[in-house]
Amino acid sequence: MAFIPGGVYEMGSKKSLMEIQMDPTDILNPDRHTLGPEDPAHEVDVDAFYIDLYEVTNADYRKFLEAANHEKPRFWEDPELNDPRQPVVGVSWTDAERYCAWNKKRLPTEAEWEKAARGKKPVTYPWGEDPPDKSKLNFNDEFKKPLPVGSFEAGKSDHGVYDLSGNVAEWVQDWHWAQYYLFSAKKNPRGPKKGQYKVVRGGHWMSVPDDTRLTYRNASVPSVKNKLFGFRCVKDARQPGD
């Protein structure tokens, strides 16, 4: 795991900031994409934590299946998707949550995930400002499937975390609400208390370039199991010297 120091950072994007200047009667429109899911940019203060360097692999997940007698993921027998080094896919949000708990960890909050991806300075992608290409990430259907985790040394974040853009998108802890960034807690935000969709962060192996930006947000019903979603885990930490 990588240690992510606590502190304040600017979460979200100013790219579509003008979209919030709308008719006030529309502000609570239930459409989950109202406002653009990345705005407004806002400061959050996140406590220190540890995050998995890699997405959870099929080899990792097999240990959980054997120990917990858990249901196998969808696509578990698919030779294109079941290499031990590939990230596990075909898992629901609940599957991901249970794996992390079994491993004495938890799913990251959306704010933690983005802080780990941003690294030590404001950037557009985990590796910096250079546009995405196949030397940095698995995207745009370039490789036709998820690749073994850690395949892109040039694409890791400042904190040494791999595949935060591309390969598979990742379940996080939070429920999704399009307007949440307008009302988000400033300290350790954990998302709305309930919702219909769970947030999914990071691009995947079929994402178009614009969807590999680290502020990009997606969401899905928590029961969905597809070839594009995986996950990684975090655990709480204290700042050195605390």
Protein backbone atom coordinates (compact mmCIF):
# COMPACT_ATOMS: atom_id res chain seq x y z
CA MET A 1 0.00 0.00 0.00
CA ALA A 2 1.02 3.63 -0.48
CA PHE A 3 0.82 6.16 2.34
CA ILE A 4 -1.24 9.23 1.39
CA PRO A 5 -0.60 12.17 3.75
CA GLY A 6 -3.58 14.01 5.13
CA GLY A 7 -4.32 17.58 4.15
CA VAL A 8 -6.40 19.98 2.11
CA TYR A 9 -6.72 19.81 -1.66
CA GLU A 10 -9.07 21.13 -4.34
CA MET A 11 -11.42 18.34 -5.37
CA GLY A 12 -13.36 18.39 -8.62
CA SER A 13 -12.99 20.41 -11.80
CA LYS A 14 -13.61 24.00 -12.86
CA LYS A 15 -14.10 22.83 -16.43
CA SER A 16 -17.89 23.16 -16.36
CA LEU A 17 -18.23 25.71 -13.57
CA MET A 18 -20.61 27.85 -15.64
CA GLU A 19 -23.12 25.01 -15.55
CA ILE A 20 -23.98 25.81 -11.94
CA GLN A 21 -25.25 29.26 -13.02
CA MET A 22 -28.67 27.91 -13.81
CA ASP A 23 -32.26 28.58 -12.88
CA PRO A 24 -32.48 28.04 -9.09
CA THR A 25 -35.65 25.99 -9.59
CA ASP A 26 -33.51 23.39 -11.40
CA ILE A 27 -30.88 23.08 -8.68
CA LEU A 28 -32.35 19.87 -7.22
CA ASN A 29 -33.15 18.19 -10.52
CA PRO A 30 -32.89 14.44 -9.84
CA ASP A 31 -31.04 13.79 -13.12
CA ARG A 32 -27.72 12.35 -11.91
CA HIS A 33 -25.78 14.24 -14.59
CA THR A 34 -27.27 17.67 -13.88
CA LEU A 35 -24.53 20.31 -13.45
CA GLY A 36 -21.88 18.05 -14.82
CA PRO A 37 -20.70 15.53 -12.25
CA GLU A 38 -17.31 17.18 -11.59
CA ASP A 39 -18.24 20.65 -10.44
CA PRO A 40 -17.94 22.89 -8.58
CA ALA A 41 -14.28 22.51 -7.59
CA HIS A 42 -14.09 22.75 -3.80
CA GLU A 43 -11.56 22.33 -1.00
CA VAL A 44 -11.68 19.21 1.16
CA ASP A 45 -9.53 18.12 4.09
CA VAL A 46 -8.82 14.39 4.18
CA ASP A 47 -7.10 12.45 6.97
CA ALA A 48 -4.05 10.35 6.14
CA PHE A 49 -4.67 6.84 4.81
CA TYR A 50 -3.08 3.94 2.98
CA ILE A 51 -4.27 2.83 -0.45
CA ASP A 52 -3.52 -0.33 -2.41
CA LEU A 53 -0.79 0.23 -4.99
CA TYR A 54 -2.68 -1.96 -7.44
CA GLU A 55 -6.24 -2.85 -8.29
CA VAL A 56 -7.36 -6.08 -6.61
CA THR A 57 -6.34 -8.95 -8.87
CA ASN A 58 -7.95 -12.26 -9.70
CA ALA A 59 -5.25 -13.95 -7.61
CA ASP A 60 -6.10 -11.72 -4.63
CA TYR A 61 -9.81 -12.35 -5.06
CA ARG A 62 -9.36 -16.12 -5.28
CA LYS A 63 -8.02 -16.14 -1.72
CA PHE A 64 -11.19 -14.37 -0.60
CA LEU A 65 -13.43 -16.82 -2.48
CA GLU A 66 -11.73 -19.79 -0.87
CA ALA A 67 -11.67 -18.32 2.64
CA ALA A 68 -15.16 -16.81 2.69
CA ASN A 69 -16.96 -19.23 0.36
CA HIS A 70 -18.16 -16.18 -1.57
CA GLU A 71 -19.91 -16.34 -4.95
CA LYS A 72 -17.55 -16.27 -7.93
CA PRO A 73 -17.51 -13.08 -10.00
CA ARG A 74 -19.18 -12.90 -13.36
CA PHE A 75 -16.61 -13.69 -16.10
CA TRP A 76 -14.54 -15.77 -13.66
CA GLU A 77 -14.14 -18.49 -16.30
CA ASP A 78 -13.52 -16.09 -19.22
CA PRO A 79 -9.94 -16.66 -20.48
CA GLU A 80 -9.74 -13.04 -21.62
CA LEU A 81 -10.43 -11.80 -18.09
CA ASN A 82 -9.24 -14.41 -15.58
CA ASP A 83 -5.45 -14.18 -15.69
CA PRO A 84 -4.28 -14.14 -12.04
CA ARG A 85 -2.49 -10.81 -12.60
CA GLN A 86 -5.44 -9.04 -14.22
CA PRO A 87 -7.72 -6.90 -12.04
CA VAL A 88 -10.81 -8.77 -10.97
CA VAL A 89 -13.96 -7.67 -12.83
CA GLY A 90 -17.58 -8.79 -12.75
CA VAL A 91 -17.90 -7.77 -9.10
CA SER A 92 -20.71 -5.68 -7.64
CA TRP A 93 -20.20 -2.85 -5.17
CA THR A 94 -21.26 -5.21 -2.37
CA ASP A 95 -18.74 -7.83 -3.50
CA ALA A 96 -16.00 -5.19 -3.40
CA GLU A 97 -17.08 -3.96 0.02
CA ARG A 98 -17.08 -7.51 1.42
CA TYR A 99 -13.64 -8.27 0.02
CA CYS A 100 -12.14 -5.15 1.60
CA ALA A 101 -13.77 -5.95 4.97
CA TRP A 102 -12.46 -9.54 4.82
CA ASN A 103 -9.01 -8.08 4.20
CA LYS A 104 -9.40 -5.72 7.20
CA LYS A 105 -9.61 -2.73 4.89
CA ARG A 106 -12.45 -0.75 3.28
CA LEU A 107 -13.40 0.89 0.00
CA PRO A 108 -11.93 4.38 -0.43
CA THR A 109 -14.16 7.39 -0.21
CA GLU A 110 -14.41 9.38 -3.40
CA ALA A 111 -12.35 12.16 -1.80
CA GLU A 112 -9.61 9.71 -0.77
CA TRP A 113 -9.50 8.17 -4.23
CA GLU A 114 -9.06 11.56 -5.90
CA LYS A 115 -6.43 12.69 -3.39
CA ALA A 116 -4.37 9.58 -4.11
CA ALA A 117 -4.70 10.21 -7.86
CA ARG A 118 -3.76 13.90 -7.61
CA GLY A 119 -0.48 13.22 -5.87
CA LYS A 120 1.50 16.13 -4.45
CA LYS A 121 0.32 18.88 -6.82
CA PRO A 122 -2.73 19.79 -8.96
CA VAL A 123 -2.65 17.74 -12.16
CA THR A 124 -5.10 16.59 -14.82
CA TYR A 125 -3.97 12.96 -14.88
CA PRO A 126 -2.26 10.87 -12.20
CA TRP A 127 1.07 11.14 -14.07
CA GLY A 128 0.81 14.91 -14.74
CA GLU A 129 -0.33 17.01 -17.69
CA ASP A 130 0.85 15.00 -20.71
CA PRO A 131 -2.13 13.67 -22.69
CA PRO A 132 -3.02 9.99 -22.31
CA ASP A 133 -1.33 7.47 -24.57
CA LYS A 134 -0.79 3.73 -24.50
CA SER A 135 2.57 4.08 -22.76
CA LYS A 136 0.78 5.44 -19.67
CA LEU A 137 -2.51 3.60 -19.43
CA ASN A 138 -4.87 1.00 -20.86
CA PHE A 139 -7.74 2.95 -22.49
CA ASN A 140 -9.63 3.55 -25.74
CA ASP A 141 -9.80 -0.23 -26.38
CA GLU A 142 -6.11 -0.14 -27.35
CA PHE A 143 -5.38 -3.54 -25.75
CA LYS A 144 -8.90 -5.05 -26.00
CA LYS A 145 -8.99 -6.19 -22.34
CA PRO A 146 -7.68 -5.33 -18.87
CA LEU A 147 -3.92 -5.82 -18.57
CA PRO A 148 -1.96 -7.13 -15.57
CA VAL A 149 -1.91 -4.55 -12.80
CA GLY A 150 1.16 -2.33 -12.65
CA SER A 151 1.83 -2.59 -16.39
CA PHE A 152 2.28 1.17 -16.83
CA GLU A 153 5.21 2.55 -14.88
CA ALA A 154 4.84 5.90 -16.70
CA GLY A 155 1.22 6.18 -15.59
CA LYS A 156 1.56 5.91 -11.82
CA SER A 157 0.78 8.80 -9.49
CA ASP A 158 3.25 10.84 -7.45
CA HIS A 159 2.53 8.48 -4.56
CA GLY A 160 3.44 5.44 -6.66
CA VAL A 161 -0.14 4.20 -7.14
CA TYR A 162 -0.75 2.38 -10.43
CA ASP A 163 -3.69 2.29 -12.86
CA LEU A 164 -5.75 5.09 -11.34
CA SER A 165 -6.63 6.00 -14.92
CA GLY A 166 -7.46 3.21 -17.33
CA ASN A 167 -7.44 -0.59 -17.01
CA VAL A 168 -10.63 -0.86 -14.91
CA ALA A 169 -12.80 1.81 -13.35
CA GLU A 170 -13.08 1.47 -9.57
CA TRP A 171 -15.95 1.27 -7.13
CA VAL A 172 -15.68 3.71 -4.22
CA GLN A 173 -17.64 3.98 -1.00
CA ASP A 174 -19.92 6.95 -1.76
CA TRP A 175 -23.47 7.14 -2.98
CA HIS A 176 -23.78 9.46 -5.97
CA TRP A 177 -25.77 12.66 -6.05
CA ALA A 178 -25.05 15.11 -8.87
CA GLN A 179 -25.35 18.15 -6.59
CA TYR A 180 -23.23 16.75 -3.75
CA TYR A 181 -20.21 18.93 -4.53
CA LEU A 182 -22.36 21.99 -3.76
CA PHE A 183 -22.99 20.78 -0.19
CA SER A 184 -20.05 18.46 0.50
CA ALA A 185 -18.56 18.36 3.98
CA LYS A 186 -15.18 20.05 4.06
CA LYS A 187 -13.63 17.43 6.37
CA ASN A 188 -13.51 13.77 5.26
CA PRO A 189 -16.58 13.88 2.99
CA ARG A 190 -18.31 10.52 2.63
CA GLY A 191 -21.03 11.30 0.12
CA PRO A 192 -24.81 11.36 0.58
CA LYS A 193 -26.41 9.06 3.16
CA LYS A 194 -28.40 7.22 0.51
CA GLY A 195 -28.95 7.09 -3.21
CA GLN A 196 -29.66 4.99 -6.26
CA TYR A 197 -26.14 4.86 -7.71
CA LYS A 198 -22.67 4.25 -6.30
CA VAL A 199 -19.79 6.38 -7.53
CA VAL A 200 -17.22 4.80 -9.84
CA ARG A 201 -13.89 6.56 -10.32
CA GLY A 202 -11.13 6.37 -12.94
CA GLY A 203 -11.21 5.48 -16.60
CA HIS A 204 -11.24 1.89 -17.87
CA TRP A 205 -9.82 -0.06 -20.79
CA MET A 206 -12.54 1.17 -23.15
CA SER A 207 -12.69 4.80 -21.95
CA VAL A 208 -12.30 7.67 -24.40
CA PRO A 209 -9.39 10.00 -23.54
CA ASP A 210 -11.49 12.67 -21.83
CA ASP A 211 -12.87 10.11 -19.39
CA THR A 212 -9.40 9.25 -18.08
CA ARG A 213 -8.97 12.61 -16.30
CA LEU A 214 -8.66 12.08 -12.56
CA THR A 215 -11.68 14.30 -11.82
CA TYR A 216 -13.96 12.24 -14.08
CA ARG A 217 -16.91 10.74 -12.22
CA ASN A 218 -19.16 7.90 -13.22
CA ALA A 219 -21.89 6.08 -11.29
CA SER A 220 -23.80 2.82 -11.50
CA VAL A 221 -26.36 0.81 -9.61
CA PRO A 222 -24.40 -1.10 -6.94
CA SER A 223 -25.60 -4.51 -8.14
CA VAL A 224 -24.07 -4.23 -11.63
CA LYS A 225 -21.32 -6.70 -12.57
CA ASN A 226 -19.51 -5.88 -15.79
CA LYS A 227 -16.14 -6.18 -17.55
CA LEU A 228 -15.17 -2.57 -16.87
CA PHE A 229 -15.40 -2.20 -13.07
CA GLY A 230 -12.98 -3.40 -10.42
CA PHE A 231 -11.75 -1.86 -7.17
CA ARG A 232 -8.94 -1.33 -4.68
CA CYS A 233 -8.98 -0.93 -0.90
CA VAL A 234 -7.73 1.55 1.69
CA LYS A 235 -7.15 1.59 5.42
CA ASP A 236 -6.90 4.42 7.94
CA ALA A 237 -3.53 5.79 9.00
CA ARG A 238 -2.05 8.36 11.28
CA GLN A 239 0.33 11.06 10.15
CA PRO A 240 3.96 10.24 10.98
CA GLY A 241 4.69 11.77 14.36
CA ASP A 242 1.04 11.84 15.51
